[in-house]
Protein backbone atom coordinates (compact mmCIF):
# COMPACT_ATOMS: atom_id res chain seq x y z
CA MET A 1 0.08 -0.17 -0.32
CA LYS A 2 1.43 3.67 -1.15
CA VAL A 3 1.37 6.62 0.96
CA GLY A 4 -0.72 8.23 -1.12
CA GLU A 5 -3.86 6.16 -1.43
CA VAL A 6 -4.21 6.75 2.83
CA MET A 7 -3.09 10.06 3.02
CA THR A 8 -5.28 13.36 3.61
CA LYS A 9 -5.52 15.03 0.72
CA ASN A 10 -7.19 18.06 1.78
CA VAL A 11 -4.29 19.84 4.10
CA ILE A 12 -4.53 22.49 5.91
CA THR A 13 -1.17 24.58 6.10
CA PHE A 14 -0.10 27.35 7.61
CA THR A 15 2.93 30.07 6.54
CA PRO A 16 5.40 31.53 8.78
CA ASP A 17 3.53 35.03 9.33
CA MET A 18 0.80 33.26 10.24
CA THR A 19 0.35 33.98 14.45
CA VAL A 20 0.27 31.61 16.97
CA LYS A 21 -3.10 32.71 17.79
CA GLU A 22 -4.40 32.22 13.62
CA ALA A 23 -2.55 29.30 14.34
CA MET A 24 -4.40 27.42 17.73
CA GLU A 25 -7.46 28.73 16.03
CA ILE A 26 -6.99 26.43 13.13
CA LEU A 27 -6.26 23.73 14.54
CA VAL A 28 -9.03 24.02 17.32
CA LYS A 29 -11.76 24.79 14.53
CA ASN A 30 -10.38 21.78 12.65
CA ASN A 31 -10.22 19.23 15.07
CA ILE A 32 -6.08 18.22 14.20
CA GLY A 33 -3.30 18.35 16.06
CA GLY A 34 -0.84 19.93 13.92
CA ALA A 35 -0.18 21.16 10.26
CA PRO A 36 2.69 21.72 7.55
CA VAL A 37 4.24 25.38 7.39
CA THR A 38 4.92 26.21 3.89
CA VAL A 39 5.75 29.01 1.72
CA ASN A 40 4.43 29.33 -2.06
CA GLY A 41 3.26 25.62 -1.53
CA LYS A 42 6.74 24.69 0.20
CA LEU A 43 7.37 22.75 3.01
CA VAL A 44 9.54 24.86 5.38
CA GLY A 45 8.35 23.31 8.37
CA ILE A 46 5.64 21.99 10.66
CA VAL A 47 3.25 23.00 13.86
CA THR A 48 1.96 21.13 16.50
CA GLN A 49 0.04 21.35 19.35
CA ARG A 50 2.84 20.40 21.40
CA ASP A 51 5.26 22.74 19.93
CA LEU A 52 2.77 25.64 21.05
CA LEU A 53 2.40 24.11 24.42
CA SER A 54 6.22 24.22 25.17
CA TYR A 55 6.38 27.82 23.75
CA LEU A 56 3.78 28.89 25.92
CA ASP A 57 5.80 27.05 28.80
CA MET A 58 9.26 28.97 27.83
CA ALA A 59 6.74 31.58 28.04
CA TYR A 60 5.92 31.46 31.67
CA LYS A 61 9.99 30.58 32.23
CA ARG A 62 10.91 33.45 31.21
CA GLN A 63 8.78 35.43 33.44
CA GLY A 64 10.03 33.24 36.58
CA TRP A 65 7.11 31.13 36.85
CA ILE A 66 8.02 27.34 35.85
CA PHE A 67 5.44 25.58 34.27
CA ILE A 68 5.32 21.60 35.18
CA PRO A 69 3.23 19.92 33.63
CA THR A 70 0.71 16.92 34.97
CA PRO A 71 -0.59 14.09 32.38
CA PHE A 72 -3.58 16.31 32.60
CA ASP A 73 -1.69 19.40 31.21
CA ILE A 74 -0.61 17.29 28.25
CA ILE A 75 -4.49 16.90 26.66
CA GLU A 76 -5.04 20.39 28.54
CA VAL A 77 -4.32 23.78 28.22
CA PRO A 78 -2.06 24.82 30.95
CA ARG A 79 -3.63 26.73 33.89
CA LEU A 80 -1.28 28.21 36.35
CA THR A 81 -3.18 29.21 39.78
CA ALA A 82 -0.38 30.87 41.27
CA LEU A 83 -0.14 33.45 38.46
CA PRO A 84 -1.67 36.37 39.04
CA TYR A 85 -4.73 36.49 36.19
CA GLU A 86 -3.41 39.70 34.75
CA LYS A 87 0.48 38.59 34.48
CA PHE A 88 -0.89 35.49 32.84
CA THR A 89 -3.05 36.96 30.39
CA GLU A 90 -0.45 39.62 29.54
CA ILE A 91 1.88 36.49 28.69
CA TYR A 92 -0.86 35.09 27.13
CA GLU A 93 -1.57 38.04 24.50
CA LYS A 94 1.98 38.54 23.89
CA PHE A 95 2.47 34.54 23.10
CA GLY A 96 -0.89 34.84 20.81
CA GLN A 97 0.92 37.20 18.52
CA GLU A 98 4.07 35.46 18.22
CA LYS A 99 5.18 34.54 14.43
CA LEU A 100 4.98 30.69 13.78
CA GLU A 101 8.15 30.64 12.19
CA ASN A 102 9.76 31.69 15.79
CA VAL A 103 7.85 28.59 16.94
CA MET A 104 7.59 26.26 13.81
CA GLN A 105 10.06 22.94 13.88
CA LYS A 106 12.26 24.02 10.79
CA LYS A 107 13.64 20.07 11.11
CA VAL A 108 10.50 18.16 9.26
CA TYR A 109 10.15 14.42 8.49
CA PHE A 110 8.10 13.56 5.30
CA VAL A 111 7.06 10.68 2.83
CA GLU A 112 6.38 11.27 -0.62
CA PRO A 113 2.72 9.27 -2.30
CA ASP A 114 4.90 6.82 -3.78
CA ASP A 115 6.76 5.63 -0.77
CA ASP A 116 5.47 2.43 0.90
CA ILE A 117 2.92 2.27 4.15
CA GLU A 118 5.44 0.50 5.92
CA ASP A 119 7.97 3.59 5.29
CA ALA A 120 5.99 5.90 7.08
CA ILE A 121 5.09 3.50 9.88
CA ARG A 122 8.86 3.12 10.55
CA LEU A 123 9.33 6.62 10.03
CA LEU A 124 6.41 8.02 12.48
CA GLY A 125 8.14 5.41 15.16
CA LYS A 126 12.04 6.62 14.65
CA ALA A 127 10.64 10.59 14.76
CA LYS A 128 8.59 10.14 17.55
CA VAL A 129 5.72 12.01 15.37
CA ASN A 130 2.01 11.71 14.93
CA ARG A 131 1.98 13.12 11.45
CA LEU A 132 4.01 13.50 8.35
CA PRO A 133 3.54 15.95 5.46
CA VAL A 134 3.29 14.26 2.47
CA VAL A 135 5.47 15.89 -0.38
CA ASP A 136 6.28 15.88 -4.34
CA LYS A 137 9.43 15.82 -5.77
CA ASP A 138 9.73 20.23 -5.33
CA LYS A 139 9.03 19.65 -1.82
CA ASN A 140 5.32 20.70 -2.67
CA VAL A 141 3.05 19.87 0.36
CA VAL A 142 0.10 17.29 -1.29
CA GLY A 143 -0.88 15.75 1.86
CA ILE A 144 -0.66 14.87 4.82
CA ILE A 145 -0.69 11.17 6.34
CA THR A 146 -1.07 10.81 10.35
CA ARG A 147 -1.07 7.64 13.00
CA GLY A 148 -4.51 7.45 12.54
CA ASP A 149 -5.01 7.45 8.67
CA ILE A 150 -2.40 4.57 8.68
CA LEU A 151 -4.76 2.44 11.82
CA ARG A 152 -8.38 3.52 9.17
CA ALA A 153 -6.68 2.28 6.00
CA LEU A 154 -5.03 -0.69 7.68
CA ALA A 155 -8.41 -1.74 9.49
CA GLY A 156 -10.20 -1.48 5.86
CA TYR A 157 -12.28 1.91 6.62
CA LYS A 158 -12.58 4.31 3.57
CA LYS A 159 -12.47 7.59 3.78
């Protein structure tokens, strides 16, 4: 089975000049965990929920507050009861205006449509990521394949 048979073709993408707030809204609205970052269709990075939460955690630390996530914080927006509400709002507003080029992962693992699905499975495991952009020979994003896409395909579900 080939990646192109399993991938999601209508890919939501970001651009490096988008803000974190815009990206968060798109992720939430579309119920996705991450998306490729492109310039003129070419892959230049990726942004995931994990990246955004890690960056927010760094913003807290720069203020002298340390955020140590619990398992619940990993799946929810982090909350700090010790941080005054006004300070939290200030940090969050500043964080929301940050450009994705400062938050995105620039080292991106990817596959091509003609790659075998087994190669995608191995790369997902080796890289410890949940999604892989699918690019053509010119590095234009043509799809995305997630762990869920692979499981659905192996279980015989059609999109």
